[in-house]
Each structure stands twice: as structure tokens, then as C-alpha cells.
Amino acid sequence: MPQLDTSTWFITIMTTLPALYLITQLKLLNMSYHQSPLQKNSNKQTPNNYWQPKWTKICLPYSQPQQ
């Protein structure tokens, strides 16, 4: 049974790793992230959020009947 030639594996792995790293960096570079609130355009109106101006009422479970 012939032996597996592993002499080129080191070079293959060591050249693949930087290539994968560069591809990942280029993919991340093209992604657009949300802007922080300080960088947003102040002329745009923010949509009215229903939950923002109101307090929500927390309903506790009924208490045990008194004995």
C-alpha cells in the first residue's frame, strides 16, 4: 500500500491561512454597520416609538386568599 505524500501539506496550509484571512477582511470591509446615534443625521425625524413615552404596568399575580 503506498504511503501518503505529506511533504506539500505545510506549504499548502500556510498559504491558505493568509488567503482566508484576506478574504474575510475584504468581506468585513464591505459590510455596512449601523451608525452610532452621535453620527446620525439630526435632520431626519425618528419614528414615534409606542413604548418610549409610556410606562408599562407590571401586573403581579393574585395574592393567596387570606385564611
Protein backbone atom coordinates (compact mmCIF):
# COMPACT_ATOMS: atom_id res chain seq x y z
CA MET A 1 0.00 0.00 0.00
CA PRO A 2 1.58 3.36 -0.98
CA GLN A 3 2.26 5.97 1.67
CA LEU A 4 0.53 9.32 1.61
CA ASP A 5 2.87 12.11 0.48
CA THR A 6 2.53 14.88 3.07
CA SER A 7 5.54 16.95 2.01
CA THR A 8 3.42 19.72 0.43
CA TRP A 9 0.81 19.94 3.18
CA PHE A 10 2.73 22.50 5.25
CA ILE A 11 3.13 24.90 2.32
CA THR A 12 -0.49 24.43 1.28
CA ILE A 13 -1.82 25.14 4.76
CA MET A 14 0.50 28.08 5.35
CA THR A 15 -0.56 29.76 2.09
CA THR A 16 -4.25 29.02 2.59
CA LEU A 17 -4.46 30.66 6.01
CA PRO A 18 -3.37 34.17 4.89
CA ALA A 19 -5.62 33.89 1.84
CA LEU A 20 -8.63 33.05 4.00
CA TYR A 21 -7.73 35.88 6.37
CA LEU A 22 -7.55 38.38 3.50
CA ILE A 23 -10.84 37.19 2.03
CA THR A 24 -12.51 37.56 5.43
CA GLN A 25 -11.11 41.05 5.89
CA LEU A 26 -12.32 42.13 2.47
CA LYS A 27 -15.79 40.76 3.19
CA LEU A 28 -15.93 42.60 6.51
CA LEU A 29 -14.69 45.79 4.89
CA ASN A 30 -17.68 45.84 2.55
CA MET A 31 -20.23 45.33 5.33
CA SER A 32 -22.15 48.39 6.45
CA TYR A 33 -22.72 48.79 10.16
CA HIS A 34 -25.34 50.92 11.84
CA GLN A 35 -24.21 54.42 12.64
CA SER A 36 -23.96 55.45 16.25
CA PRO A 37 -26.56 57.99 17.44
CA LEU A 38 -23.93 60.74 17.51
CA GLN A 39 -23.14 60.28 13.82
CA LYS A 40 -26.73 60.11 12.59
CA ASN A 41 -28.17 62.96 10.62
CA SER A 42 -30.05 65.21 13.02
CA ASN A 43 -32.43 66.41 10.26
CA LYS A 44 -34.09 63.01 9.99
CA GLN A 45 -37.12 62.50 12.16
CA THR A 46 -37.11 59.42 14.30
CA PRO A 47 -40.27 57.31 14.11
CA ASN A 48 -42.55 57.61 17.08
CA ASN A 49 -41.98 54.59 19.25
CA TYR A 50 -45.14 53.50 21.05
CA TRP A 51 -43.32 52.18 24.11
CA GLN A 52 -40.95 55.08 24.58
CA PRO A 53 -43.17 57.75 26.22
CA LYS A 54 -45.21 55.38 28.36
CA TRP A 55 -44.54 53.31 31.41
CA THR A 56 -45.78 49.79 31.21
CA LYS A 57 -47.86 48.45 34.05
CA ILE A 58 -46.47 45.36 35.72
CA CYS A 59 -49.21 43.02 36.85
CA LEU A 60 -48.29 40.84 39.79
CA PRO A 61 -50.04 37.50 40.30
CA TYR A 62 -53.01 37.44 42.58
CA SER A 63 -52.16 37.07 46.21
CA GLN A 64 -53.13 33.98 48.12
CA PRO A 65 -56.61 34.19 49.70
CA GLN A 66 -56.38 35.14 53.32
CA GLN A 67 -57.35 32.44 55.76
